Amino acid sequence: LKEFLDYYEKVTSNDFQFYANLKPFLDELFPAIDQ
């Protein structure tokens, strides 16, 4: 849990981190559930 929170604090610290680390999750996920 601590490692997870530390990681998410880093990747949500600014928009650059979000787009580099989290947006790819959505980019991969959306097409899979857009049947």
PDB file of all heavy atoms in Angstrom:
ATOM      1  N   LEU A   1       0.829  -1.195   0.000  1.00  0.00           N
ATOM      2  CA  LEU A   1       0.000   0.000   0.000  1.00  0.00           C
ATOM      3  C   LEU A   1       0.870   1.254   0.000  1.00  0.00           C
ATOM      4  O   LEU A   1       0.596   2.203  -0.745  1.00  0.00           O
ATOM      5  CB  LEU A   1      -0.931   0.003   1.218  1.00  0.00           C
ATOM      6  CG  LEU A   1      -1.769   1.283   1.423  1.00  0.00           C
ATOM      7  CD1 LEU A   1      -2.672   1.556   0.223  1.00  0.00           C
ATOM      8  CD2 LEU A   1      -2.592   1.191   2.712  1.00  0.00           C
ATOM      9  N   LYS A   2       1.919   1.268   0.819  1.00  0.00           N
ATOM     10  CA  LYS A   2       2.791   2.444   0.867  1.00  0.00           C
ATOM     11  C   LYS A   2       3.458   2.695  -0.479  1.00  0.00           C
ATOM     12  O   LYS A   2       3.527   3.834  -0.951  1.00  0.00           O
ATOM     13  CB  LYS A   2       3.857   2.276   1.955  1.00  0.00           C
ATOM     14  CG  LYS A   2       4.774   3.505   2.096  1.00  0.00           C
ATOM     15  CD  LYS A   2       5.839   3.307   3.140  1.00  0.00           C
ATOM     16  CE  LYS A   2       6.666   4.575   3.344  1.00  0.00           C
ATOM     17  NZ  LYS A   2       7.247   5.093   2.083  1.00  0.00           N
ATOM     18  N   GLU A   3       3.968   1.640  -1.093  1.00  0.00           N
ATOM     19  CA  GLU A   3       4.598   1.792  -2.406  1.00  0.00           C
ATOM     20  C   GLU A   3       3.590   2.308  -3.428  1.00  0.00           C
ATOM     21  O   GLU A   3       3.922   3.159  -4.262  1.00  0.00           O
ATOM     22  CB  GLU A   3       5.170   0.456  -2.872  1.00  0.00           C
ATOM     23  CG  GLU A   3       6.419   0.023  -2.118  1.00  0.00           C
ATOM     24  CD  GLU A   3       6.870  -1.359  -2.514  1.00  0.00           C
ATOM     25  OE1 GLU A   3       5.999  -2.238  -2.729  1.00  0.00           O
ATOM     26  OE2 GLU A   3       8.091  -1.587  -2.592  1.00  0.00           O
ATOM     27  N   PHE A   4       2.383   1.793  -3.371  1.00  0.00           N
ATOM     28  CA  PHE A   4       1.320   2.208  -4.294  1.00  0.00           C
ATOM     29  C   PHE A   4       0.990   3.684  -4.109  1.00  0.00           C
ATOM     30  O   PHE A   4       0.899   4.441  -5.089  1.00  0.00           O
ATOM     31  CB  PHE A   4       0.080   1.351  -4.041  1.00  0.00           C
ATOM     32  CG  PHE A   4      -1.049   1.593  -5.004  1.00  0.00           C
ATOM     33  CD1 PHE A   4      -1.042   1.015  -6.262  1.00  0.00           C
ATOM     34  CD2 PHE A   4      -2.130   2.386  -4.633  1.00  0.00           C
ATOM     35  CE1 PHE A   4      -2.100   1.230  -7.142  1.00  0.00           C
ATOM     36  CE2 PHE A   4      -3.171   2.612  -5.503  1.00  0.00           C
ATOM     37  CZ  PHE A   4      -3.163   2.022  -6.763  1.00  0.00           C
ATOM     38  N   LEU A   5       0.821   4.113  -2.855  1.00  0.00           N
ATOM     39  CA  LEU A   5       0.500   5.514  -2.586  1.00  0.00           C
ATOM     40  C   LEU A   5       1.643   6.432  -2.981  1.00  0.00           C
ATOM     41  O   LEU A   5       1.402   7.521  -3.541  1.00  0.00           O
ATOM     42  CB  LEU A   5       0.150   5.699  -1.105  1.00  0.00           C
ATOM     43  CG  LEU A   5      -1.128   5.016  -0.623  1.00  0.00           C
ATOM     44  CD1 LEU A   5      -1.298   5.215   0.879  1.00  0.00           C
ATOM     45  CD2 LEU A   5      -2.355   5.559  -1.354  1.00  0.00           C
ATOM     46  N   ASP A   6       2.863   6.030  -2.715  1.00  0.00           N
ATOM     47  CA  ASP A   6       4.019   6.834  -3.107  1.00  0.00           C
ATOM     48  C   ASP A   6       4.079   6.982  -4.629  1.00  0.00           C
ATOM     49  O   ASP A   6       4.363   8.074  -5.151  1.00  0.00           O
ATOM     50  CB  ASP A   6       5.320   6.201  -2.600  1.00  0.00           C
ATOM     51  CG  ASP A   6       5.483   6.322  -1.097  1.00  0.00           C
ATOM     52  OD1 ASP A   6       4.756   7.133  -0.479  1.00  0.00           O
ATOM     53  OD2 ASP A   6       6.345   5.615  -0.536  1.00  0.00           O
ATOM     54  N   TYR A   7       3.829   5.891  -5.315  1.00  0.00           N
ATOM     55  CA  TYR A   7       3.850   5.913  -6.781  1.00  0.00           C
ATOM     56  C   TYR A   7       2.760   6.818  -7.332  1.00  0.00           C
ATOM     57  O   TYR A   7       3.005   7.660  -8.205  1.00  0.00           O
ATOM     58  CB  TYR A   7       3.681   4.490  -7.316  1.00  0.00           C
ATOM     59  CG  TYR A   7       3.504   4.422  -8.819  1.00  0.00           C
ATOM     60  CD1 TYR A   7       4.569   4.677  -9.681  1.00  0.00           C
ATOM     61  CD2 TYR A   7       2.271   4.096  -9.372  1.00  0.00           C
ATOM     62  CE1 TYR A   7       4.405   4.611 -11.051  1.00  0.00           C
ATOM     63  CE2 TYR A   7       2.101   4.022 -10.742  1.00  0.00           C
ATOM     64  CZ  TYR A   7       3.170   4.282 -11.575  1.00  0.00           C
ATOM     65  OH  TYR A   7       3.007   4.220 -12.942  1.00  0.00           O
ATOM     66  N   TYR A   8       1.549   6.683  -6.799  1.00  0.00           N
ATOM     67  CA  TYR A   8       0.438   7.486  -7.308  1.00  0.00           C
ATOM     68  C   TYR A   8       0.579   8.959  -6.942  1.00  0.00           C
ATOM     69  O   TYR A   8       0.124   9.829  -7.680  1.00  0.00           O
ATOM     70  CB  TYR A   8      -0.905   6.919  -6.831  1.00  0.00           C
ATOM     71  CG  TYR A   8      -1.514   6.016  -7.872  1.00  0.00           C
ATOM     72  CD1 TYR A   8      -1.041   4.722  -8.056  1.00  0.00           C
ATOM     73  CD2 TYR A   8      -2.527   6.453  -8.708  1.00  0.00           C
ATOM     74  CE1 TYR A   8      -1.557   3.893  -9.036  1.00  0.00           C
ATOM     75  CE2 TYR A   8      -3.059   5.636  -9.679  1.00  0.00           C
ATOM     76  CZ  TYR A   8      -2.566   4.354  -9.843  1.00  0.00           C
ATOM     77  OH  TYR A   8      -3.082   3.551 -10.829  1.00  0.00           O
ATOM     78  N   GLU A   9       1.204   9.235  -5.823  1.00  0.00           N
ATOM     79  CA  GLU A   9       1.467  10.637  -5.484  1.00  0.00           C
ATOM     80  C   GLU A   9       2.406  11.253  -6.521  1.00  0.00           C
ATOM     81  O   GLU A   9       2.235  12.414  -6.924  1.00  0.00           O
ATOM     82  CB  GLU A   9       2.082  10.736  -4.089  1.00  0.00           C
ATOM     83  CG  GLU A   9       2.311  12.181  -3.640  1.00  0.00           C
ATOM     84  CD  GLU A   9       2.767  12.294  -2.195  1.00  0.00           C
ATOM     85  OE1 GLU A   9       2.702  11.280  -1.465  1.00  0.00           O
ATOM     86  OE2 GLU A   9       3.198  13.393  -1.801  1.00  0.00           O
ATOM     87  N   LYS A  10       3.365  10.467  -6.967  1.00  0.00           N
ATOM     88  CA  LYS A  10       4.316  10.956  -7.972  1.00  0.00           C
ATOM     89  C   LYS A  10       3.644  11.161  -9.317  1.00  0.00           C
ATOM     90  O   LYS A  10       3.796  12.211  -9.956  1.00  0.00           O
ATOM     91  CB  LYS A  10       5.479   9.970  -8.115  1.00  0.00           C
ATOM     92  CG  LYS A  10       6.444  10.338  -9.223  1.00  0.00           C
ATOM     93  CD  LYS A  10       7.523   9.276  -9.409  1.00  0.00           C
ATOM     94  CE  LYS A  10       8.418   9.619 -10.586  1.00  0.00           C
ATOM     95  NZ  LYS A  10       9.450   8.558 -10.816  1.00  0.00           N
ATOM     96  N   VAL A  11       2.871  10.166  -9.770  1.00  0.00           N
ATOM     97  CA  VAL A  11       2.322  10.231 -11.129  1.00  0.00           C
ATOM     98  C   VAL A  11       1.088  11.129 -11.231  1.00  0.00           C
ATOM     99  O   VAL A  11       0.556  11.322 -12.323  1.00  0.00           O
ATOM    100  CB  VAL A  11       2.011   8.825 -11.676  1.00  0.00           C
ATOM    101  CG1 VAL A  11       3.282   7.997 -11.766  1.00  0.00           C
ATOM    102  CG2 VAL A  11       0.957   8.117 -10.833  1.00  0.00           C
ATOM    103  N   THR A  12       0.630  11.663 -10.106  1.00  0.00           N
ATOM    104  CA  THR A  12      -0.454  12.653 -10.148  1.00  0.00           C
ATOM    105  C   THR A  12       0.028  14.018  -9.674  1.00  0.00           C
ATOM    106  O   THR A  12      -0.783  14.897  -9.371  1.00  0.00           O
ATOM    107  CB  THR A  12      -1.652  12.204  -9.285  1.00  0.00           C
ATOM    108  OG1 THR A  12      -1.225  12.034  -7.925  1.00  0.00           O
ATOM    109  CG2 THR A  12      -2.259  10.914  -9.799  1.00  0.00           C
ATOM    110  N   SER A  13       1.330  14.201  -9.610  1.00  0.00           N
ATOM    111  CA  SER A  13       1.877  15.462  -9.114  1.00  0.00           C
ATOM    112  C   SER A  13       1.688  16.606 -10.102  1.00  0.00           C
ATOM    113  O   SER A  13       1.660  17.778  -9.717  1.00  0.00           O
ATOM    114  CB  SER A  13       3.362  15.312  -8.779  1.00  0.00           C
ATOM    115  OG  SER A  13       4.100  14.903  -9.921  1.00  0.00           O
ATOM    116  N   ASN A  14       1.549  16.278 -11.387  1.00  0.00           N
ATOM    117  CA  ASN A  14       1.296  17.295 -12.408  1.00  0.00           C
ATOM    118  C   ASN A  14       0.768  16.601 -13.664  1.00  0.00           C
ATOM    119  O   ASN A  14       0.768  15.368 -13.767  1.00  0.00           O
ATOM    120  CB  ASN A  14       2.561  18.109 -12.722  1.00  0.00           C
ATOM    121  CG  ASN A  14       3.736  17.238 -13.109  1.00  0.00           C
ATOM    122  OD1 ASN A  14       3.651  16.452 -14.051  1.00  0.00           O
ATOM    123  ND2 ASN A  14       4.840  17.353 -12.367  1.00  0.00           N
ATOM    124  N   ASP A  15       0.325  17.403 -14.622  1.00  0.00           N
ATOM    125  CA  ASP A  15      -0.268  16.843 -15.836  1.00  0.00           C
ATOM    126  C   ASP A  15       0.736  16.032 -16.652  1.00  0.00           C
ATOM    127  O   ASP A  15       0.370  15.024 -17.268  1.00  0.00           O
ATOM    128  CB  ASP A  15      -0.861  17.957 -16.699  1.00  0.00           C
ATOM    129  CG  ASP A  15      -2.240  18.381 -16.230  1.00  0.00           C
ATOM    130  OD1 ASP A  15      -2.794  17.724 -15.318  1.00  0.00           O
ATOM    131  OD2 ASP A  15      -2.779  19.367 -16.769  1.00  0.00           O
ATOM    132  N   PHE A  16       1.980  16.481 -16.683  1.00  0.00           N
ATOM    133  CA  PHE A  16       2.985  15.740 -17.453  1.00  0.00           C
ATOM    134  C   PHE A  16       3.106  14.310 -16.943  1.00  0.00           C
ATOM    135  O   PHE A  16       3.125  13.346 -17.717  1.00  0.00           O
ATOM    136  CB  PHE A  16       4.347  16.447 -17.365  1.00  0.00           C
ATOM    137  CG  PHE A  16       5.448  15.680 -18.045  1.00  0.00           C
ATOM    138  CD1 PHE A  16       5.617  15.752 -19.419  1.00  0.00           C
ATOM    139  CD2 PHE A  16       6.305  14.868 -17.300  1.00  0.00           C
ATOM    140  CE1 PHE A  16       6.625  15.018 -20.047  1.00  0.00           C
ATOM    141  CE2 PHE A  16       7.308  14.139 -17.922  1.00  0.00           C
ATOM    142  CZ  PHE A  16       7.471  14.215 -19.299  1.00  0.00           C
ATOM    143  N   GLN A  17       3.184  14.159 -15.609  1.00  0.00           N
ATOM    144  CA  GLN A  17       3.283  12.829 -15.016  1.00  0.00           C
ATOM    145  C   GLN A  17       2.035  11.999 -15.309  1.00  0.00           C
ATOM    146  O   GLN A  17       2.120  10.796 -15.600  1.00  0.00           O
ATOM    147  CB  GLN A  17       3.496  12.946 -13.502  1.00  0.00           C
ATOM    148  CG  GLN A  17       4.866  13.437 -13.083  1.00  0.00           C
ATOM    149  CD  GLN A  17       5.936  12.381 -13.269  1.00  0.00           C
ATOM    150  OE1 GLN A  17       5.661  11.209 -13.463  1.00  0.00           O
ATOM    151  NE2 GLN A  17       7.186  12.804 -13.211  1.00  0.00           N
ATOM    152  N   PHE A  18       0.872  12.642 -15.240  1.00  0.00           N
ATOM    153  CA  PHE A  18      -0.377  11.928 -15.522  1.00  0.00           C
ATOM    154  C   PHE A  18      -0.381  11.395 -16.946  1.00  0.00           C
ATOM    155  O   PHE A  18      -0.683  10.215 -17.184  1.00  0.00           O
ATOM    156  CB  PHE A  18      -1.576  12.857 -15.302  1.00  0.00           C
ATOM    157  CG  PHE A  18      -2.877  12.271 -15.784  1.00  0.00           C
ATOM    158  CD1 PHE A  18      -3.602  11.416 -14.967  1.00  0.00           C
ATOM    159  CD2 PHE A  18      -3.365  12.560 -17.050  1.00  0.00           C
ATOM    160  CE1 PHE A  18      -4.793  10.857 -15.413  1.00  0.00           C
ATOM    161  CE2 PHE A  18      -4.562  12.012 -17.494  1.00  0.00           C
ATOM    162  CZ  PHE A  18      -5.268  11.157 -16.676  1.00  0.00           C
ATOM    163  N   TYR A  19      -0.078  12.263 -17.907  1.00  0.00           N
ATOM    164  CA  TYR A  19      -0.123  11.848 -19.311  1.00  0.00           C
ATOM    165  C   TYR A  19       0.943  10.808 -19.630  1.00  0.00           C
ATOM    166  O   TYR A  19       0.717   9.931 -20.474  1.00  0.00           O
ATOM    167  CB  TYR A  19       0.032  13.067 -20.224  1.00  0.00           C
ATOM    168  CG  TYR A  19      -1.216  13.911 -20.292  1.00  0.00           C
ATOM    169  CD1 TYR A  19      -1.248  15.187 -19.748  1.00  0.00           C
ATOM    170  CD2 TYR A  19      -2.371  13.424 -20.893  1.00  0.00           C
ATOM    171  CE1 TYR A  19      -2.402  15.957 -19.790  1.00  0.00           C
ATOM    172  CE2 TYR A  19      -3.533  14.184 -20.946  1.00  0.00           C
ATOM    173  CZ  TYR A  19      -3.537  15.450 -20.395  1.00  0.00           C
ATOM    174  OH  TYR A  19      -4.684  16.198 -20.447  1.00  0.00           O
ATOM    175  N   ALA A  20       2.075  10.878 -18.975  1.00  0.00           N
ATOM    176  CA  ALA A  20       3.152   9.927 -19.245  1.00  0.00           C
ATOM    177  C   ALA A  20       2.892   8.561 -18.627  1.00  0.00           C
ATOM    178  O   ALA A  20       3.260   7.527 -19.196  1.00  0.00           O
ATOM    179  CB  ALA A  20       4.481  10.489 -18.743  1.00  0.00           C
ATOM    180  N   ASN A  21       2.238   8.536 -17.450  1.00  0.00           N
ATOM    181  CA  ASN A  21       2.149   7.297 -16.688  1.00  0.00           C
ATOM    182  C   ASN A  21       0.753   6.701 -16.553  1.00  0.00           C
ATOM    183  O   ASN A  21       0.619   5.478 -16.433  1.00  0.00           O
ATOM    184  CB  ASN A  21       2.718   7.520 -15.279  1.00  0.00           C
ATOM    185  CG  ASN A  21       4.186   7.829 -15.285  1.00  0.00           C
ATOM    186  OD1 ASN A  21       5.006   6.948 -15.458  1.00  0.00           O
ATOM    187  ND2 ASN A  21       4.533   9.106 -15.100  1.00  0.00           N
ATOM    188  N   LEU A  22      -0.286   7.527 -16.557  1.00  0.00           N
ATOM    189  CA  LEU A  22      -1.628   7.016 -16.309  1.00  0.00           C
ATOM    190  C   LEU A  22      -2.535   7.014 -17.539  1.00  0.00           C
ATOM    191  O   LEU A  22      -3.333   6.100 -17.716  1.00  0.00           O
ATOM    192  CB  LEU A  22      -2.287   7.814 -15.177  1.00  0.00           C
ATOM    193  CG  LEU A  22      -1.610   7.672 -13.814  1.00  0.00           C
ATOM    194  CD1 LEU A  22      -2.283   8.555 -12.783  1.00  0.00           C
ATOM    195  CD2 LEU A  22      -1.615   6.217 -13.339  1.00  0.00           C
ATOM    196  N   LYS A  23      -2.416   8.033 -18.368  1.00  0.00           N
ATOM    197  CA  LYS A  23      -3.278   8.076 -19.556  1.00  0.00           C
ATOM    198  C   LYS A  23      -3.105   6.851 -20.450  1.00  0.00           C
ATOM    199  O   LYS A  23      -4.102   6.378 -21.028  1.00  0.00           O
ATOM    200  CB  LYS A  23      -3.044   9.353 -20.356  1.00  0.00           C
ATOM    201  CG  LYS A  23      -4.042   9.518 -21.509  1.00  0.00           C
ATOM    202  CD  LYS A  23      -3.857  10.839 -22.216  1.00  0.00           C
ATOM    203  CE  LYS A  23      -4.876  10.984 -23.344  1.00  0.00           C
ATOM    204  NZ  LYS A  23      -4.609  10.026 -24.443  1.00  0.00           N
ATOM    205  N   PRO A  24      -1.889   6.299 -20.600  1.00  0.00           N
ATOM    206  CA  PRO A  24      -1.765   5.084 -21.417  1.00  0.00           C
ATOM    207  C   PRO A  24      -2.666   3.938 -20.951  1.00  0.00           C
ATOM    208  O   PRO A  24      -3.093   3.114 -21.758  1.00  0.00           O
ATOM    209  CB  PRO A  24      -0.281   4.719 -21.281  1.00  0.00           C
ATOM    210  CG  PRO A  24       0.389   6.037 -21.055  1.00  0.00           C
ATOM    211  CD  PRO A  24      -0.570   6.814 -20.183  1.00  0.00           C
ATOM    212  N   PHE A  25      -2.944   3.877 -19.631  1.00  0.00           N
ATOM    213  CA  PHE A  25      -3.860   2.857 -19.114  1.00  0.00           C
ATOM    214  C   PHE A  25      -5.227   2.996 -19.770  1.00  0.00           C
ATOM    215  O   PHE A  25      -5.824   2.010 -20.226  1.00  0.00           O
ATOM    216  CB  PHE A  25      -3.977   2.997 -17.590  1.00  0.00           C
ATOM    217  CG  PHE A  25      -4.910   2.002 -16.955  1.00  0.00           C
ATOM    218  CD1 PHE A  25      -4.463   0.739 -16.616  1.00  0.00           C
ATOM    219  CD2 PHE A  25      -6.229   2.335 -16.689  1.00  0.00           C
ATOM    220  CE1 PHE A  25      -5.326  -0.186 -16.028  1.00  0.00           C
ATOM    221  CE2 PHE A  25      -7.095   1.423 -16.099  1.00  0.00           C
ATOM    222  CZ  PHE A  25      -6.645   0.159 -15.764  1.00  0.00           C
ATOM    223  N   LEU A  26      -5.716   4.232 -19.840  1.00  0.00           N
ATOM    224  CA  LEU A  26      -7.021   4.477 -20.454  1.00  0.00           C
ATOM    225  C   LEU A  26      -6.968   4.233 -21.955  1.00  0.00           C
ATOM    226  O   LEU A  26      -7.911   3.680 -22.535  1.00  0.00           O
ATOM    227  CB  LEU A  26      -7.470   5.915 -20.172  1.00  0.00           C
ATOM    228  CG  LEU A  26      -8.887   6.258 -20.631  1.00  0.00           C
ATOM    229  CD1 LEU A  26      -9.912   5.512 -19.797  1.00  0.00           C
ATOM    230  CD2 LEU A  26      -9.147   7.748 -20.534  1.00  0.00           C
ATOM    231  N   ASP A  27      -5.882   4.634 -22.593  1.00  0.00           N
ATOM    232  CA  ASP A  27      -5.744   4.447 -24.036  1.00  0.00           C
ATOM    233  C   ASP A  27      -5.803   2.968 -24.418  1.00  0.00           C
ATOM    234  O   ASP A  27      -6.298   2.615 -25.494  1.00  0.00           O
ATOM    235  CB  ASP A  27      -4.421   5.050 -24.526  1.00  0.00           C
ATOM    236  CG  ASP A  27      -4.389   6.563 -24.404  1.00  0.00           C
ATOM    237  OD1 ASP A  27      -5.479   7.178 -24.355  1.00  0.00           O
ATOM    238  OD2 ASP A  27      -3.284   7.132 -24.328  1.00  0.00           O
ATOM    239  N   GLU A  28      -5.302   2.127 -23.528  1.00  0.00           N
ATOM    240  CA  GLU A  28      -5.343   0.687 -23.779  1.00  0.00           C
ATOM    241  C   GLU A  28      -6.685   0.085 -23.363  1.00  0.00           C
ATOM    242  O   GLU A  28      -7.177  -0.856 -23.995  1.00  0.00           O
ATOM    243  CB  GLU A  28      -4.213  -0.013 -23.007  1.00  0.00           C
ATOM    244  CG  GLU A  28      -2.807   0.412 -23.397  1.00  0.00           C
ATOM    245  CD  GLU A  28      -2.330  -0.225 -24.689  1.00  0.00           C
ATOM    246  OE1 GLU A  28      -3.069  -1.049 -25.258  1.00  0.00           O
ATOM    247  OE2 GLU A  28      -1.221   0.109 -25.133  1.00  0.00           O
ATOM    248  N   LEU A  29      -7.268   0.623 -22.313  1.00  0.00           N
ATOM    249  CA  LEU A  29      -8.488   0.047 -21.748  1.00  0.00           C
ATOM    250  C   LEU A  29      -9.731   0.359 -22.576  1.00  0.00           C
ATOM    251  O   LEU A  29     -10.570  -0.522 -22.807  1.00  0.00           O
ATOM    252  CB  LEU A  29      -8.683   0.558 -20.315  1.00  0.00           C
ATOM    253  CG  LEU A  29      -9.909   0.052 -19.554  1.00  0.00           C
ATOM    254  CD1 LEU A  29      -9.834  -1.459 -19.367  1.00  0.00           C
ATOM    255  CD2 LEU A  29     -10.021   0.734 -18.192  1.00  0.00           C
ATOM    256  N   PHE A  30      -9.859   1.601 -23.038  1.00  0.00           N
ATOM    257  CA  PHE A  30     -11.090   2.005 -23.710  1.00  0.00           C
ATOM    258  C   PHE A  30     -11.404   1.153 -24.940  1.00  0.00           C
ATOM    259  O   PHE A  30     -12.537   0.670 -25.082  1.00  0.00           O
ATOM    260  CB  PHE A  30     -11.035   3.493 -24.089  1.00  0.00           C
ATOM    261  CG  PHE A  30     -12.350   4.029 -24.598  1.00  0.00           C
ATOM    262  CD1 PHE A  30     -13.280   4.562 -23.724  1.00  0.00           C
ATOM    263  CD2 PHE A  30     -12.659   3.982 -25.948  1.00  0.00           C
ATOM    264  CE1 PHE A  30     -14.495   5.044 -24.186  1.00  0.00           C
ATOM    265  CE2 PHE A  30     -13.874   4.459 -26.419  1.00  0.00           C
ATOM    266  CZ  PHE A  30     -14.801   5.001 -25.540  1.00  0.00           C
ATOM    267  N   PRO A  31     -10.451   0.938 -25.850  1.00  0.00           N
ATOM    268  CA  PRO A  31     -10.778   0.124 -27.028  1.00  0.00           C
ATOM    269  C   PRO A  31     -11.208  -1.298 -26.676  1.00  0.00           C
ATOM    270  O   PRO A  31     -12.017  -1.901 -27.391  1.00  0.00           O
ATOM    271  CB  PRO A  31      -9.466   0.111 -27.826  1.00  0.00           C
ATOM    272  CG  PRO A  31      -8.730   1.308 -27.365  1.00  0.00           C
ATOM    273  CD  PRO A  31      -9.074   1.455 -25.919  1.00  0.00           C
ATOM    274  N   ALA A  32     -10.687  -1.813 -25.559  1.00  0.00           N
ATOM    275  CA  ALA A  32     -11.021  -3.179 -25.167  1.00  0.00           C
ATOM    276  C   ALA A  32     -12.478  -3.307 -24.728  1.00  0.00           C
ATOM    277  O   ALA A  32     -13.109  -4.349 -24.957  1.00  0.00           O
ATOM    278  CB  ALA A  32     -10.098  -3.640 -24.046  1.00  0.00           C
ATOM    279  N   ILE A  33     -13.017  -2.253 -24.112  1.00  0.00           N
ATOM    280  CA  ILE A  33     -14.402  -2.342 -23.633  1.00  0.00           C
ATOM    281  C   ILE A  33     -15.392  -1.623 -24.556  1.00  0.00           C
ATOM    282  O   ILE A  33     -16.595  -1.691 -24.345  1.00  0.00           O
ATOM    283  CB  ILE A  33     -14.537  -1.806 -22.188  1.00  0.00           C
ATOM    284  CG1 ILE A  33     -14.152  -0.338 -22.097  1.00  0.00           C
ATOM    285  CG2 ILE A  33     -13.704  -2.635 -21.240  1.00  0.00           C
ATOM    286  CD1 ILE A  33     -14.327   0.237 -20.699  1.00  0.00           C
ATOM    287  N   ASP A  34     -14.863  -0.936 -25.581  1.00  0.00           N
ATOM    288  CA  ASP A  34     -15.717  -0.359 -26.621  1.00  0.00           C
ATOM    289  C   ASP A  34     -15.982  -1.462 -27.638  1.00  0.00           C
ATOM    290  O   ASP A  34     -15.352  -1.553 -28.689  1.00  0.00           O
ATOM    291  CB  ASP A  34     -15.011   0.836 -27.267  1.00  0.00           C
ATOM    292  CG  ASP A  34     -15.797   1.407 -28.440  1.00  0.00           C
ATOM    293  OD1 ASP A  34     -17.009   1.111 -28.556  1.00  0.00           O
ATOM    294  OD2 ASP A  34     -15.192   2.131 -29.251  1.00  0.00           O
ATOM    295  N   GLN A  35     -16.959  -2.289 -27.337  1.00  0.00           N
ATOM    296  CA  GLN A  35     -17.139  -3.533 -28.086  1.00  0.00           C
ATOM    297  C   GLN A  35     -17.567  -3.327 -29.537  1.00  0.00           C
ATOM    298  O   GLN A  35     -17.332  -4.182 -30.395  1.00  0.00           O
ATOM    299  CB  GLN A  35     -18.149  -4.431 -27.358  1.00  0.00           C
ATOM    300  CG  GLN A  35     -17.673  -4.816 -25.956  1.00  0.00           C
ATOM    301  CD  GLN A  35     -18.548  -5.852 -25.319  1.00  0.00           C
ATOM    302  OE1 GLN A  35     -18.377  -7.053 -25.521  1.00  0.00           O
ATOM    303  NE2 GLN A  35     -19.513  -5.395 -24.551  1.00  0.00           N
TER     304      GLN A  35
END
